[in-house]
Amino acid sequence: MLRIHELSFAGGDVKEERIEMVHVGEETGQLENMLAKLADIYDEEVARTTARLLALLVPALTIGMGVMIAGIITSILTAILSVNTLAF
């Protein structure tokens, strides 16, 4: 009989400790609880990765918006100064 933890090796993306958790869950008859714990671990990992990416993205967006605003202000000032030079 093929077990779930043996199938987990096929993908290669699963960490060894998580495969062992599934194996222990199968052996003890607590597979449902162990899978719930694994789901919690994955949820925490996703939340941590998302927070890290947002922490990197916020400064980049701030700089990008600053450059856009500087471009708008420059174009407005250029238009105002060019109108001023036409009068003379």
Protein backbone atom coordinates (compact mmCIF):
# COMPACT_ATOMS: atom_id res chain seq x y z
CA MET A 1 0.00 0.00 0.00
CA LEU A 2 1.35 3.39 -1.01
CA ARG A 3 1.36 6.05 1.66
CA ILE A 4 0.91 9.82 1.34
CA HIS A 5 4.37 10.67 2.66
CA GLU A 6 5.93 8.45 -0.04
CA LEU A 7 4.07 10.37 -2.75
CA SER A 8 5.31 13.69 -1.36
CA PHE A 9 8.85 13.00 -2.56
CA ALA A 10 7.76 13.06 -6.22
CA GLY A 11 7.34 16.84 -6.44
CA GLY A 12 10.58 17.80 -4.73
CA ASP A 13 9.13 21.10 -3.49
CA VAL A 14 8.14 19.83 -0.05
CA LYS A 15 10.59 20.16 2.82
CA GLU A 16 11.76 17.00 4.54
CA GLU A 17 10.36 18.01 7.95
CA ARG A 18 6.89 18.41 6.49
CA ILE A 19 7.03 15.01 4.85
CA GLU A 20 8.05 13.58 8.22
CA MET A 21 5.08 15.29 9.85
CA VAL A 22 2.74 13.56 7.38
CA HIS A 23 4.50 10.26 8.05
CA VAL A 24 4.08 10.67 11.82
CA GLY A 25 0.43 11.58 11.32
CA GLU A 26 -0.13 8.45 9.26
CA GLU A 27 1.63 6.23 11.77
CA THR A 28 -0.21 7.61 14.80
CA GLY A 29 -3.61 7.82 13.15
CA GLN A 30 -3.67 11.61 13.59
CA LEU A 31 -3.24 12.53 9.93
CA GLU A 32 -6.07 15.07 10.00
CA ASN A 33 -4.53 16.97 12.93
CA MET A 34 -1.06 16.85 11.38
CA LEU A 35 -2.36 18.16 8.06
CA ALA A 36 -4.12 20.98 9.92
CA LYS A 37 -0.80 21.86 11.56
CA LEU A 38 0.90 21.81 8.16
CA ALA A 39 -1.80 24.11 6.78
CA ASP A 40 -1.13 26.53 9.64
CA ILE A 41 2.60 26.42 8.90
CA TYR A 42 1.99 27.17 5.23
CA ASP A 43 -0.42 29.99 6.12
CA GLU A 44 2.20 31.60 8.37
CA GLU A 45 4.83 31.22 5.66
CA VAL A 46 2.60 32.89 3.06
CA ALA A 47 1.74 35.74 5.44
CA ARG A 48 5.43 36.28 6.25
CA THR A 49 6.42 36.27 2.57
CA THR A 50 3.61 38.66 1.66
CA ALA A 51 4.60 41.05 4.44
CA ARG A 52 8.21 40.96 3.25
CA LEU A 53 7.24 41.69 -0.34
CA LEU A 54 5.00 44.57 0.72
CA ALA A 55 7.81 45.98 2.84
CA LEU A 56 9.98 46.05 -0.29
CA LEU A 57 7.23 47.32 -2.57
CA VAL A 58 6.16 50.37 -0.53
CA PRO A 59 9.45 52.31 -0.87
CA ALA A 60 9.63 51.51 -4.58
CA LEU A 61 6.10 52.81 -5.13
CA THR A 62 6.86 55.92 -3.08
CA ILE A 63 9.92 56.70 -5.20
CA GLY A 64 7.98 56.04 -8.41
CA MET A 65 5.18 58.38 -7.36
CA GLY A 66 7.74 61.01 -6.37
CA VAL A 67 9.31 60.84 -9.84
CA MET A 68 5.88 61.14 -11.48
CA ILE A 69 4.94 64.16 -9.36
CA ALA A 70 8.31 65.77 -10.06
CA GLY A 71 7.68 65.29 -13.79
CA ILE A 72 4.23 66.90 -13.53
CA ILE A 73 5.59 69.86 -11.57
CA THR A 74 8.44 70.28 -14.05
CA SER A 75 6.07 70.28 -17.02
CA ILE A 76 3.78 72.84 -15.33
CA LEU A 77 6.69 75.12 -14.45
CA THR A 78 8.11 74.80 -17.96
CA ALA A 79 4.75 75.81 -19.43
CA ILE A 80 4.45 78.80 -17.06
CA LEU A 81 8.00 80.00 -17.79
CA SER A 82 7.56 79.60 -21.56
CA VAL A 83 4.42 81.74 -21.46
CA ASN A 84 6.34 84.33 -19.49
CA THR A 85 9.11 84.50 -22.13
CA LEU A 86 6.58 84.96 -24.97
CA ALA A 87 5.50 88.28 -23.50
CA PHE A 88 8.92 89.83 -24.03
